C-alpha atoms as a PDB file:
ATOM      1  CA  MET A   1     -18.827  13.094  34.149  1.00  0.00           C
ATOM      2  CA  LEU A   2     -14.530  13.541  34.005  1.00  0.00           C
ATOM      3  CA  LEU A   3     -12.667  10.676  32.332  1.00  0.00           C
ATOM      4  CA  GLU A   4      -8.788  11.430  33.705  1.00  0.00           C
ATOM      5  CA  GLY A   5      -5.499  10.016  33.150  1.00  0.00           C
ATOM      6  CA  LYS A   6      -3.165  11.078  35.986  1.00  0.00           C
ATOM      7  CA  ASN A   7       0.905  10.801  35.624  1.00  0.00           C
ATOM      8  CA  ILE A   8       0.621   7.738  33.317  1.00  0.00           C
ATOM      9  CA  GLY A   9       3.694   6.108  32.360  1.00  0.00           C
ATOM     10  CA  PHE A  10       3.780   2.611  30.166  1.00  0.00           C
ATOM     11  CA  ARG A  11       6.407   0.726  28.877  1.00  0.00           C
ATOM     12  CA  TYR A  12       6.147  -2.680  27.703  1.00  0.00           C
ATOM     13  CA  GLY A  13       8.634  -5.041  29.698  1.00  0.00           C
ATOM     14  CA  ARG A  14      11.638  -4.058  30.845  1.00  0.00           C
ATOM     15  CA  GLY A  15      11.907  -1.597  27.445  1.00  0.00           C
ATOM     16  CA  SER A  16      12.068   2.975  27.200  1.00  0.00           C
ATOM     17  CA  TRP A  17       9.184   4.129  28.407  1.00  0.00           C
ATOM     18  CA  ILE A  18       6.574   5.008  25.555  1.00  0.00           C
ATOM     19  CA  LEU A  19       4.284   6.794  28.398  1.00  0.00           C
ATOM     20  CA  LYS A  20       5.622   8.788  30.506  1.00  0.00           C
ATOM     21  CA  GLY A  21       4.518  11.600  33.597  1.00  0.00           C
ATOM     22  CA  PHE A  22       1.729  11.853  30.793  1.00  0.00           C
ATOM     23  CA  ASN A  23      -1.832  14.010  32.100  1.00  0.00           C
ATOM     24  CA  LEU A  24      -4.869  14.240  29.902  1.00  0.00           C
ATOM     25  CA  GLN A  25      -8.626  15.302  30.935  1.00  0.00           C
ATOM     26  CA  LEU A  26     -11.890  14.697  28.857  1.00  0.00           C
ATOM     27  CA  LYS A  27     -15.284  16.194  30.339  1.00  0.00           C
ATOM     28  CA  SER A  28     -18.472  14.661  29.011  1.00  0.00           C
ATOM     29  CA  GLY A  29     -19.636  16.374  26.110  1.00  0.00           C
ATOM     30  CA  GLU A  30     -15.978  17.682  25.207  1.00  0.00           C
ATOM     31  CA  ILE A  31     -14.787  16.354  21.657  1.00  0.00           C
ATOM     32  CA  VAL A  32     -10.555  15.905  21.940  1.00  0.00           C
ATOM     33  CA  GLY A  33      -8.076  15.339  19.663  1.00  0.00           C
ATOM     34  CA  LEU A  34      -5.176  13.229  20.112  1.00  0.00           C
ATOM     35  CA  SER A  35      -2.086  13.556  17.413  1.00  0.00           C
ATOM     36  CA  GLY A  36       1.331  12.679  17.028  1.00  0.00           C
ATOM     37  CA  PRO A  37       3.960  11.044  14.879  1.00  0.00           C
ATOM     38  CA  SER A  38       3.859   7.194  14.717  1.00  0.00           C
ATOM     39  CA  GLY A  39       5.417   5.307  17.414  1.00  0.00           C
ATOM     40  CA  CYS A  40       4.706   7.705  20.073  1.00  0.00           C
ATOM     41  CA  GLY A  41       2.083   6.196  22.280  1.00  0.00           C
ATOM     42  CA  LYS A  42      -1.226   7.063  21.384  1.00  0.00           C
ATOM     43  CA  THR A  43      -3.081   3.765  20.671  1.00  0.00           C
ATOM     44  CA  THR A  44      -0.696   2.352  23.875  1.00  0.00           C
ATOM     45  CA  LEU A  45      -3.170   5.281  25.700  1.00  0.00           C
ATOM     46  CA  ALA A  46      -5.995   4.674  24.474  1.00  0.00           C
ATOM     47  CA  LYS A  47      -6.332   1.503  25.626  1.00  0.00           C
ATOM     48  CA  ILE A  48      -5.091   2.455  29.343  1.00  0.00           C
ATOM     49  CA  LEU A  49      -8.013   5.056  29.277  1.00  0.00           C
ATOM     50  CA  ALA A  50     -10.659   2.174  28.228  1.00  0.00           C
ATOM     51  CA  GLY A  51      -8.915  -0.075  30.753  1.00  0.00           C
ATOM     52  CA  PHE A  52      -7.655  -2.520  27.803  1.00  0.00           C
ATOM     53  CA  LEU A  53      -4.005  -1.997  29.872  1.00  0.00           C
ATOM     54  CA  SER A  54      -2.747  -1.130  33.499  1.00  0.00           C
ATOM     55  CA  PRO A  55      -0.529   1.821  33.528  1.00  0.00           C
ATOM     56  CA  ASP A  56       3.068   0.739  35.049  1.00  0.00           C
ATOM     57  CA  GLU A  57       2.913   4.479  36.851  1.00  0.00           C
ATOM     58  CA  GLY A  58      -0.303   6.821  37.342  1.00  0.00           C
ATOM     59  CA  SER A  59      -4.003   5.878  37.219  1.00  0.00           C
ATOM     60  CA  VAL A  60      -7.340   6.541  35.281  1.00  0.00           C
ATOM     61  CA  SER A  61     -10.572   7.211  36.721  1.00  0.00           C
ATOM     62  CA  LEU A  62     -13.778   7.622  35.799  1.00  0.00           C
ATOM     63  CA  ASP A  63     -15.631  10.547  38.278  1.00  0.00           C
ATOM     64  CA  GLU A  64     -12.688   9.854  40.129  1.00  0.00           C
ATOM     65  CA  LYS A  65     -13.122   6.640  41.159  1.00  0.00           C
ATOM     66  CA  PRO A  66     -11.365   3.401  39.260  1.00  0.00           C
ATOM     67  CA  LEU A  67     -12.890   2.616  36.220  1.00  0.00           C
ATOM     68  CA  PRO A  68     -15.403  -0.314  36.459  1.00  0.00           C
ATOM     69  CA  LYS A  69     -15.011  -4.184  35.473  1.00  0.00           C
ATOM     70  CA  GLY A  70     -17.013  -6.528  33.990  1.00  0.00           C
ATOM     71  CA  GLY A  71     -20.248  -5.734  32.415  1.00  0.00           C
ATOM     72  CA  PHE A  72     -21.022  -2.655  29.712  1.00  0.00           C
ATOM     73  CA  SER A  73     -18.094  -0.637  30.258  1.00  0.00           C
ATOM     74  CA  PRO A  74     -19.128   3.606  29.824  1.00  0.00           C
ATOM     75  CA  VAL A  75     -15.745   3.772  28.165  1.00  0.00           C
ATOM     76  CA  GLN A  76     -15.492   2.480  25.060  1.00  0.00           C
ATOM     77  CA  LEU A  77     -12.839   2.137  22.537  1.00  0.00           C
ATOM     78  CA  VAL A  78     -13.248   1.434  18.664  1.00  0.00           C
ATOM     79  CA  PHE A  79     -10.136   0.260  17.081  1.00  0.00           C
ATOM     80  CA  GLN A  80      -8.425   1.222  13.556  1.00  0.00           C
ATOM     81  CA  HIS A  81      -8.318  -1.961  12.558  1.00  0.00           C
ATOM     82  CA  PRO A  82     -12.165  -3.788  13.259  1.00  0.00           C
ATOM     83  CA  GLU A  83     -11.272  -7.149  11.800  1.00  0.00           C
ATOM     84  CA  LYS A  84      -8.842  -7.419  15.041  1.00  0.00           C
ATOM     85  CA  ALA A  85     -12.063  -6.226  17.373  1.00  0.00           C
ATOM     86  CA  VAL A  86     -14.581  -8.777  16.680  1.00  0.00           C
ATOM     87  CA  ASN A  87     -15.207 -12.503  17.062  1.00  0.00           C
ATOM     88  CA  PRO A  88     -14.307 -14.382  13.469  1.00  0.00           C
ATOM     89  CA  ARG A  89     -16.559 -17.102  15.451  1.00  0.00           C
ATOM     90  CA  TRP A  90     -19.790 -14.946  15.606  1.00  0.00           C
ATOM     91  CA  GLN A  91     -22.377 -14.231  12.901  1.00  0.00           C
ATOM     92  CA  MET A  92     -22.431  -9.890  13.293  1.00  0.00           C
ATOM     93  CA  TYR A  93     -25.448  -9.865  14.666  1.00  0.00           C
ATOM     94  CA  LYS A  94     -23.948 -11.702  18.184  1.00  0.00           C
ATOM     95  CA  THR A  95     -21.387  -9.193  17.795  1.00  0.00           C
ATOM     96  CA  LEU A  96     -23.351  -6.123  17.519  1.00  0.00           C
ATOM     97  CA  ASN A  97     -25.492  -7.275  20.567  1.00  0.00           C
ATOM     98  CA  GLU A  98     -22.454  -8.369  22.465  1.00  0.00           C
ATOM     99  CA  GLY A  99     -22.941  -4.814  24.884  1.00  0.00           C
ATOM    100  CA  TRP A 100     -26.525  -3.650  24.635  1.00  0.00           C
ATOM    101  CA  PRO A 101     -29.383  -4.157  21.814  1.00  0.00           C
ATOM    102  CA  VAL A 102     -28.962  -1.955  18.774  1.00  0.00           C
ATOM    103  CA  ASN A 103     -31.611  -0.418  17.598  1.00  0.00           C
ATOM    104  CA  LYS A 104     -32.484  -0.332  13.973  1.00  0.00           C
ATOM    105  CA  THR A 105     -32.256   3.565  13.759  1.00  0.00           C
ATOM    106  CA  LEU A 106     -28.538   3.450  14.813  1.00  0.00           C
ATOM    107  CA  LEU A 107     -28.160   0.837  12.376  1.00  0.00           C
ATOM    108  CA  GLU A 108     -29.685   3.123   9.491  1.00  0.00           C
ATOM    109  CA  SER A 109     -27.908   5.910   9.718  1.00  0.00           C
ATOM    110  CA  LEU A 110     -24.496   3.839   9.791  1.00  0.00           C
ATOM    111  CA  GLY A 111     -25.784   2.130   6.529  1.00  0.00           C
ATOM    112  CA  ILE A 112     -25.810  -1.351   7.872  1.00  0.00           C
ATOM    113  CA  GLU A 113     -27.985  -3.673   5.812  1.00  0.00           C
ATOM    114  CA  GLU A 114     -30.543  -6.375   7.100  1.00  0.00           C
ATOM    115  CA  SER A 115     -28.885  -8.893   5.178  1.00  0.00           C
ATOM    116  CA  TRP A 116     -25.078  -8.129   6.778  1.00  0.00           C
ATOM    117  CA  LEU A 117     -26.216  -9.176  10.422  1.00  0.00           C
ATOM    118  CA  LYS A 118     -26.159 -12.653   9.052  1.00  0.00           C
ATOM    119  CA  ARG A 119     -23.238 -12.768   7.739  1.00  0.00           C
ATOM    120  CA  TRP A 120     -19.643 -14.019   8.996  1.00  0.00           C
ATOM    121  CA  PRO A 121     -16.467 -11.021   9.635  1.00  0.00           C
ATOM    122  CA  ASN A 122     -14.933 -12.803   6.290  1.00  0.00           C
ATOM    123  CA  GLU A 123     -17.622 -11.825   4.565  1.00  0.00           C
ATOM    124  CA  LEU A 124     -17.401  -8.085   4.943  1.00  0.00           C
ATOM    125  CA  SER A 125     -15.072  -5.326   3.944  1.00  0.00           C
ATOM    126  CA  SER A 126     -12.967  -3.515   6.453  1.00  0.00           C
ATOM    127  CA  GLY A 127     -15.870  -0.300   6.112  1.00  0.00           C
ATOM    128  CA  GLU A 128     -18.520  -2.684   6.701  1.00  0.00           C
ATOM    129  CA  LEU A 129     -17.272  -4.240   9.459  1.00  0.00           C
ATOM    130  CA  GLN A 130     -15.772  -0.786  10.794  1.00  0.00           C
ATOM    131  CA  ARG A 131     -19.730   0.127  11.347  1.00  0.00           C
ATOM    132  CA  PHE A 132     -20.488  -2.699  13.691  1.00  0.00           C
ATOM    133  CA  CYS A 133     -17.341  -1.405  15.824  1.00  0.00           C
ATOM    134  CA  VAL A 134     -19.180   1.649  15.901  1.00  0.00           C
ATOM    135  CA  ALA A 135     -22.708   0.241  16.443  1.00  0.00           C
ATOM    136  CA  ARG A 136     -22.086  -1.759  19.440  1.00  0.00           C
ATOM    137  CA  ALA A 137     -19.791   1.569  20.947  1.00  0.00           C
ATOM    138  CA  LEU A 138     -22.565   3.653  20.875  1.00  0.00           C
ATOM    139  CA  SER A 139     -24.931   2.500  23.579  1.00  0.00           C
ATOM    140  CA  PRO A 140     -26.530   5.162  25.421  1.00  0.00           C
ATOM    141  CA  CYS A 141     -24.881   3.885  28.365  1.00  0.00           C
ATOM    142  CA  THR A 142     -21.050   5.281  26.663  1.00  0.00           C
ATOM    143  CA  LYS A 143     -20.442   8.311  28.827  1.00  0.00           C
ATOM    144  CA  PHE A 144     -16.979   8.621  26.757  1.00  0.00           C
ATOM    145  CA  LEU A 145     -15.810   7.403  23.246  1.00  0.00           C
ATOM    146  CA  ILE A 146     -12.404   6.546  22.475  1.00  0.00           C
ATOM    147  CA  ALA A 147     -11.858   6.462  18.687  1.00  0.00           C
ATOM    148  CA  ASP A 148      -8.552   5.190  17.681  1.00  0.00           C
ATOM    149  CA  GLU A 149      -7.828   5.897  13.765  1.00  0.00           C
ATOM    150  CA  ILE A 150     -11.311   4.956  12.813  1.00  0.00           C
ATOM    151  CA  THR A 151     -11.954   6.256   9.428  1.00  0.00           C
ATOM    152  CA  THR A 152      -8.529   6.344   8.494  1.00  0.00           C
ATOM    153  CA  MET A 153      -8.647   2.995   6.435  1.00  0.00           C
ATOM    154  CA  LEU A 154     -12.203   4.137   4.863  1.00  0.00           C
ATOM    155  CA  ASP A 155     -13.217   6.304   1.953  1.00  0.00           C
ATOM    156  CA  ALA A 156     -14.090   9.773   2.378  1.00  0.00           C
ATOM    157  CA  ILE A 157     -17.965   9.621   1.965  1.00  0.00           C
ATOM    158  CA  THR A 158     -17.768   6.373   4.925  1.00  0.00           C
ATOM    159  CA  GLN A 159     -15.548   8.819   6.816  1.00  0.00           C
ATOM    160  CA  ALA A 160     -17.989  11.424   6.199  1.00  0.00           C
ATOM    161  CA  GLN A 161     -20.737   9.078   7.026  1.00  0.00           C
ATOM    162  CA  ILE A 162     -19.555   7.333  10.412  1.00  0.00           C
ATOM    163  CA  TRP A 163     -18.557  10.506  12.193  1.00  0.00           C
ATOM    164  CA  LYS A 164     -22.044  12.553  11.156  1.00  0.00           C
ATOM    165  CA  VAL A 165     -23.204   9.436  13.556  1.00  0.00           C
ATOM    166  CA  VAL A 166     -20.318   9.824  15.900  1.00  0.00           C
ATOM    167  CA  LEU A 167     -21.059  13.068  16.971  1.00  0.00           C
ATOM    168  CA  ASP A 168     -24.658  13.596  16.826  1.00  0.00           C
ATOM    169  CA  ILE A 169     -24.936  10.600  19.427  1.00  0.00           C
ATOM    170  CA  ALA A 170     -22.226  12.048  21.283  1.00  0.00           C
ATOM    171  CA  GLU A 171     -24.367  15.433  21.418  1.00  0.00           C
ATOM    172  CA  LYS A 172     -27.526  13.670  22.073  1.00  0.00           C
ATOM    173  CA  ASN A 173     -26.490  12.123  24.912  1.00  0.00           C
ATOM    174  CA  ASN A 174     -23.490  14.052  26.451  1.00  0.00           C
ATOM    175  CA  ALA A 175     -20.702  11.577  25.770  1.00  0.00           C
ATOM    176  CA  GLY A 176     -17.354  12.616  25.775  1.00  0.00           C
ATOM    177  CA  VAL A 177     -15.026  11.571  22.450  1.00  0.00           C
ATOM    178  CA  LEU A 178     -11.693  11.340  22.489  1.00  0.00           C
ATOM    179  CA  VAL A 179     -10.726  11.567  18.335  1.00  0.00           C
ATOM    180  CA  VAL A 180      -6.967   9.824  17.868  1.00  0.00           C
ATOM    181  CA  SER A 181      -5.751  10.568  14.457  1.00  0.00           C
ATOM    182  CA  HIS A 182      -3.171  11.612  12.556  1.00  0.00           C
ATOM    183  CA  ASP A 183      -5.266  13.626  10.393  1.00  0.00           C
ATOM    184  CA  LYS A 184      -4.741  17.016  11.087  1.00  0.00           C
ATOM    185  CA  HIS A 185      -7.987  18.683   8.861  1.00  0.00           C
ATOM    186  CA  LEU A 186     -10.051  15.877  10.447  1.00  0.00           C
ATOM    187  CA  ILE A 187      -8.980  16.921  13.827  1.00  0.00           C
ATOM    188  CA  ASN A 188      -9.289  20.438  13.487  1.00  0.00           C
ATOM    189  CA  ARG A 189     -12.686  20.322  11.860  1.00  0.00           C
ATOM    190  CA  ILE A 190     -14.268  18.341  14.949  1.00  0.00           C
ATOM    191  CA  CYS A 191     -12.564  19.052  18.132  1.00  0.00           C
ATOM    192  CA  ASN A 192     -13.210  21.343  20.932  1.00  0.00           C
ATOM    193  CA  ARG A 193      -9.514  21.207  21.386  1.00  0.00           C
ATOM    194  CA  VAL A 194      -6.384  19.124  20.754  1.00  0.00           C
ATOM    195  CA  ILE A 195      -3.587  17.555  22.550  1.00  0.00           C
ATOM    196  CA  GLU A 196      -0.320  16.953  21.000  1.00  0.00           C
ATOM    197  CA  ILE A 197       2.005  13.930  22.469  1.00  0.00           C
ATOM    198  CA  LYS A 198       5.891  14.641  21.389  1.00  0.00           C
END
Protein backbone atom coordinates (compact mmCIF):
# COMPACT_ATOMS: atom_id res chain seq x y z
CA MET A 1 0.00 0.00 0.00
CA LEU A 2 1.00 3.63 -0.40
CA LEU A 3 0.19 6.62 1.80
CA GLU A 4 0.84 9.78 -0.17
CA GLY A 5 0.65 13.50 0.48
CA LYS A 6 0.79 15.57 -2.72
CA ASN A 7 1.58 19.29 -2.81
CA ILE A 8 0.36 19.76 0.76
CA GLY A 9 -0.24 23.36 1.78
CA PHE A 10 -1.65 24.45 5.13
CA ARG A 11 -2.04 27.59 7.21
CA TYR A 12 -4.18 28.52 10.18
CA GLY A 13 -6.71 31.16 9.14
CA ARG A 14 -5.02 33.82 7.05
CA GLY A 15 -1.64 33.43 8.70
CA SER A 16 1.57 32.53 6.96
CA TRP A 17 1.92 29.13 5.32
CA ILE A 18 3.12 26.41 7.70
CA LEU A 19 3.45 23.92 4.84
CA LYS A 20 3.61 24.71 1.15
CA GLY A 21 4.01 22.31 -1.78
CA PHE A 22 5.09 19.44 0.48
CA ASN A 23 5.23 15.91 -0.92
CA LEU A 24 5.65 12.65 0.97
CA GLN A 25 5.29 8.96 0.14
CA LEU A 26 5.23 6.14 2.68
CA LYS A 27 5.07 2.53 1.50
CA SER A 28 3.97 -0.59 3.36
CA GLY A 29 6.77 -1.93 5.53
CA GLU A 30 8.83 1.28 5.39
CA ILE A 31 10.09 3.03 8.51
CA VAL A 32 10.59 6.68 7.55
CA GLY A 33 11.87 9.48 9.76
CA LEU A 34 10.49 13.02 9.65
CA SER A 35 12.65 15.65 11.32
CA GLY A 36 12.99 19.41 11.42
CA PRO A 37 13.17 22.30 13.87
CA SER A 38 10.34 23.13 16.28
CA GLY A 39 7.49 24.99 14.63
CA CYS A 40 8.29 23.79 11.10
CA GLY A 41 4.98 21.91 10.70
CA LYS A 42 5.80 18.30 11.62
CA THR A 43 2.79 17.80 13.89
CA THR A 44 0.51 19.64 11.47
CA LEU A 45 1.66 17.35 8.67
CA ALA A 46 1.11 14.29 10.88
CA LYS A 47 -2.48 15.39 11.55
CA ILE A 48 -3.08 15.98 7.83
CA LEU A 49 -1.70 12.58 6.82
CA ALA A 50 -3.93 10.88 9.42
CA GLY A 51 -7.03 12.83 8.33
CA PHE A 52 -7.35 14.93 11.51
CA LEU A 53 -6.86 18.12 9.47
CA SER A 54 -7.72 18.90 5.85
CA PRO A 55 -4.99 20.60 3.81
CA ASP A 56 -5.72 23.99 2.26
CA GLU A 57 -3.89 22.82 -0.83
CA GLY A 58 -3.01 19.38 -2.17
CA SER A 59 -4.36 15.99 -1.13
CA VAL A 60 -3.73 12.86 0.91
CA SER A 61 -4.45 9.44 -0.55
CA LEU A 62 -4.24 5.80 0.42
CA ASP A 63 -3.52 3.69 -2.66
CA GLU A 64 -4.65 6.65 -4.79
CA LYS A 65 -8.02 6.87 -3.02
CA PRO A 66 -9.14 9.43 -0.40
CA LEU A 67 -8.65 8.46 3.24
CA PRO A 68 -11.70 6.52 4.48
CA LYS A 69 -14.03 8.37 6.82
CA GLY A 70 -15.83 6.78 9.77
CA GLY A 71 -14.93 3.58 11.58
CA PHE A 72 -11.39 2.45 12.36
CA SER A 73 -8.88 4.25 10.15
CA PRO A 74 -6.04 2.27 8.53
CA VAL A 75 -3.86 5.34 9.21
CA GLN A 76 -3.35 5.75 12.96
CA LEU A 77 -1.74 8.72 14.70
CA VAL A 78 -0.18 8.53 18.17
CA PHE A 79 0.44 11.95 19.73
CA GLN A 80 3.29 13.18 21.91
CA HIS A 81 0.97 14.02 24.83
CA PRO A 82 -1.23 11.00 25.61
CA GLU A 83 -3.31 12.86 28.20
CA LYS A 84 -4.77 14.92 25.34
CA ALA A 85 -5.64 11.81 23.32
CA VAL A 86 -7.83 9.97 25.83
CA ASN A 87 -11.29 10.67 27.20
CA PRO A 88 -10.88 11.65 30.90
CA ARG A 89 -14.38 10.26 31.61
CA TRP A 90 -13.56 6.76 30.38
CA GLN A 91 -11.81 4.07 32.34
CA MET A 92 -8.77 2.72 30.51
CA TYR A 93 -10.34 -0.56 29.39
CA LYS A 94 -12.91 1.42 27.38
CA THR A 95 -10.24 3.68 25.85
CA LEU A 96 -8.12 0.67 25.01
CA ASN A 97 -10.88 -1.17 23.16
CA GLU A 98 -12.29 1.90 21.42
CA GLY A 99 -11.01 0.82 18.00
CA TRP A 100 -10.43 -2.93 18.28
CA PRO A 101 -10.36 -5.69 20.92
CA VAL A 102 -6.72 -5.45 22.06
CA ASN A 103 -5.24 -8.86 22.92
CA LYS A 104 -3.50 -9.81 26.15
CA THR A 105 -0.19 -10.58 24.42
CA LEU A 106 0.11 -6.99 23.18
CA LEU A 107 -0.73 -5.61 26.62
CA GLU A 108 1.97 -7.74 28.22
CA SER A 109 4.58 -6.78 25.60
CA LEU A 110 3.91 -3.09 26.34
CA GLY A 111 4.06 -3.63 30.09
CA ILE A 112 0.40 -2.75 30.66
CA GLU A 113 -0.73 -4.24 33.96
CA GLU A 114 -4.21 -5.73 34.26
CA SER A 115 -4.98 -3.55 37.29
CA TRP A 116 -4.51 -0.43 35.14
CA LEU A 117 -7.55 -1.31 33.00
CA LYS A 118 -9.97 -0.18 35.72
CA ARG A 119 -8.13 3.09 36.35
CA TRP A 120 -9.02 6.57 35.11
CA PRO A 121 -6.51 8.50 32.94
CA ASN A 122 -5.60 10.87 35.80
CA GLU A 123 -4.53 7.85 37.89
CA LEU A 124 -1.77 6.90 35.42
CA SER A 125 1.58 8.48 34.52
CA SER A 126 2.30 9.84 31.03
CA GLY A 127 4.38 6.75 30.27
CA GLU A 128 1.58 4.40 31.33
CA LEU A 129 -0.99 6.36 29.32
CA GLN A 130 1.21 6.35 26.25
CA ARG A 131 1.42 2.55 26.37
CA PHE A 132 -2.39 2.46 26.10
CA CYS A 133 -2.38 4.90 23.17
CA VAL A 134 0.21 2.80 21.32
CA ALA A 135 -1.71 -0.44 21.97
CA ARG A 136 -4.94 1.15 20.77
CA ALA A 137 -3.27 2.16 17.49
CA LEU A 138 -1.56 -1.16 16.72
CA SER A 139 -4.57 -2.98 15.29
CA PRO A 140 -4.00 -5.69 12.65
CA CYS A 141 -6.04 -3.34 10.43
CA THR A 142 -3.53 -0.49 10.85
CA LYS A 143 -1.65 -0.10 7.58
CA PHE A 144 0.27 3.05 8.53
CA LEU A 145 1.28 4.37 11.94
CA ILE A 146 2.25 8.00 12.37
CA ALA A 147 4.26 8.31 15.58
CA ASP A 148 4.55 11.98 16.55
CA GLU A 149 7.31 12.26 19.19
CA ILE A 150 5.66 9.34 20.99
CA THR A 151 8.52 8.62 23.41
CA THR A 152 10.03 12.10 23.87
CA MET A 153 8.66 12.54 27.40
CA LEU A 154 9.54 9.01 28.56
CA ASP A 155 12.54 7.43 30.26
CA ALA A 156 15.05 5.47 28.19
CA ILE A 157 13.82 2.01 29.27
CA THR A 158 10.19 2.81 28.41
CA GLN A 159 11.27 4.33 25.09
CA ALA A 160 13.16 1.18 24.12
CA GLN A 161 10.28 -1.07 25.17
CA ILE A 162 7.67 0.87 23.19
CA TRP A 163 9.79 1.12 20.03
CA LYS A 164 10.61 -2.59 20.11
CA VAL A 165 6.90 -3.45 20.18
CA VAL A 166 6.02 -0.91 17.47
CA LEU A 167 8.74 -2.10 15.11
CA ASP A 168 8.05 -5.81 15.72
CA ILE A 169 4.33 -5.41 14.98
CA ALA A 170 4.98 -3.16 11.97
CA GLU A 171 7.25 -5.84 10.53
CA LYS A 172 4.75 -8.61 11.28
CA ASN A 173 1.85 -6.70 9.68
CA ASN A 174 3.93 -5.08 6.89
CA ALA A 175 2.78 -1.68 8.15
CA GLY A 176 4.50 1.59 7.29
CA VAL A 177 5.65 3.85 10.13
CA LEU A 178 6.37 7.58 9.99
CA VAL A 179 8.65 8.46 12.92
CA VAL A 180 8.26 12.16 13.71
CA SER A 181 11.09 13.11 16.05
CA HIS A 182 13.78 15.60 17.03
CA ASP A 183 15.92 12.66 18.14
CA LYS A 184 18.43 12.20 15.32
CA HIS A 185 19.96 9.17 17.05
CA LEU A 186 16.59 7.40 17.17
CA ILE A 187 15.74 8.25 13.56
CA ASN A 188 19.12 7.15 12.23
CA ARG A 189 18.95 3.91 14.18
CA ILE A 190 15.48 2.68 13.19
CA CYS A 191 14.53 4.38 9.91
CA ASN A 192 15.09 3.28 6.31
CA ARG A 193 15.25 6.91 5.19
CA VAL A 194 14.75 10.39 6.59
CA ILE A 195 12.75 13.37 5.31
CA GLU A 196 13.76 16.83 6.54
CA ILE A 197 11.31 19.73 6.82
CA LYS A 198 13.25 22.96 6.53
